[in-house]
Amino acid sequence: MSTVKLTVRQWRDIRNELHTEHPKSVFMLKHKMKSVLGFVVREHNEWVIKPDGSYGEHSIRLDFYNKNKYTMFLLKFSEIIKCEN
């Protein structure tokens, strides 16, 4: 299993593009998302001390179960993933 860590903004941009390609029913059930897209979505909160003194980091993790779909996802969304802002 491979995991991709995304910011909330990155996930929002990727999700918007995926919504144009797939029906909403794909995103409603985990087993359907896993079979069609090859991954499931997981929200992750982590306690991190940031330079400004705040704590906590909210991120989105995509857990991939299909190596081919993982590779295609990285190729397709590499521009969004490499942008940190």
Protein backbone atom coordinates (compact mmCIF):
# COMPACT_ATOMS: atom_id res chain seq x y z
CA MET A 1 0.00 0.00 0.00
CA SER A 2 1.30 3.45 -0.91
CA THR A 3 0.21 6.71 0.67
CA VAL A 4 0.21 10.23 -0.73
CA LYS A 5 0.15 13.15 1.72
CA LEU A 6 -1.67 16.26 0.49
CA THR A 7 -2.61 19.61 1.91
CA VAL A 8 -6.30 20.41 2.08
CA ARG A 9 -5.92 22.87 -0.81
CA GLN A 10 -4.16 20.28 -3.00
CA TRP A 11 -6.87 17.72 -2.28
CA ARG A 12 -9.62 20.24 -3.07
CA ASP A 13 -8.04 20.96 -6.49
CA ILE A 14 -7.57 17.26 -7.27
CA ARG A 15 -11.06 16.36 -6.05
CA ASN A 16 -12.63 19.07 -8.23
CA GLU A 17 -10.92 17.64 -11.29
CA LEU A 18 -11.90 14.09 -10.38
CA HIS A 19 -15.54 15.17 -9.95
CA THR A 20 -15.61 16.25 -13.59
CA GLU A 21 -14.45 12.78 -14.70
CA HIS A 22 -16.42 10.50 -12.35
CA PRO A 23 -19.97 10.48 -10.98
CA LYS A 24 -20.56 11.52 -7.38
CA SER A 25 -21.46 7.96 -6.45
CA VAL A 26 -17.77 6.99 -6.78
CA PHE A 27 -16.89 9.32 -3.90
CA MET A 28 -19.69 8.22 -1.59
CA LEU A 29 -18.60 4.65 -0.86
CA LYS A 30 -15.09 3.60 0.08
CA HIS A 31 -15.21 0.26 -1.71
CA LYS A 32 -16.38 1.96 -4.90
CA MET A 33 -13.66 4.62 -4.62
CA LYS A 34 -11.09 1.88 -4.04
CA SER A 35 -12.18 -0.10 -7.09
CA VAL A 36 -12.62 2.84 -9.50
CA LEU A 37 -9.88 5.25 -8.40
CA GLY A 38 -7.55 2.82 -6.64
CA PHE A 39 -7.44 4.74 -3.35
CA VAL A 40 -9.43 5.75 -0.30
CA VAL A 41 -9.30 9.16 1.40
CA ARG A 42 -8.29 9.64 5.02
CA GLU A 43 -8.16 12.89 7.00
CA HIS A 44 -5.13 13.07 9.26
CA ASN A 45 -4.40 15.37 12.21
CA GLU A 46 -0.86 15.50 13.50
CA TRP A 47 0.61 17.37 16.46
CA VAL A 48 3.46 19.46 15.08
CA ILE A 49 5.09 22.48 16.66
CA LYS A 50 5.24 25.13 13.96
CA PRO A 51 7.65 28.10 13.86
CA ASP A 52 4.81 30.51 14.68
CA GLY A 53 4.10 28.59 17.90
CA SER A 54 0.89 26.91 16.77
CA TYR A 55 0.25 23.21 17.07
CA GLY A 56 -1.40 20.75 14.79
CA GLU A 57 -1.39 20.02 11.11
CA HIS A 58 -4.41 18.87 9.18
CA SER A 59 -3.68 16.90 6.01
CA ILE A 60 -5.32 14.48 3.62
CA ARG A 61 -3.84 11.05 3.00
CA LEU A 62 -4.69 8.94 -0.02
CA ASP A 63 -4.11 5.25 0.61
CA PHE A 64 -3.53 3.49 -2.70
CA TYR A 65 -4.23 -0.22 -3.19
CA ASN A 66 -3.42 -0.44 -6.90
CA LYS A 67 0.12 0.24 -8.13
CA ASN A 68 -0.93 1.07 -11.69
CA LYS A 69 -3.54 3.58 -10.56
CA TYR A 70 -1.03 5.04 -8.09
CA THR A 71 1.45 5.63 -10.91
CA MET A 72 -1.18 7.18 -13.18
CA PHE A 73 -2.39 9.42 -10.35
CA LEU A 74 1.15 10.72 -9.76
CA LEU A 75 1.65 11.36 -13.47
CA LYS A 76 -1.67 13.12 -13.88
CA PHE A 77 -1.58 15.30 -10.76
CA SER A 78 2.17 15.89 -10.37
CA GLU A 79 1.79 19.62 -11.02
CA ILE A 80 -0.69 19.99 -8.16
CA ILE A 81 1.22 17.70 -5.80
CA LYS A 82 4.57 19.42 -6.21
CA CYS A 83 3.06 22.82 -5.38
CA GLU A 84 3.24 23.36 -1.63
CA ASN A 85 0.91 26.40 -1.57
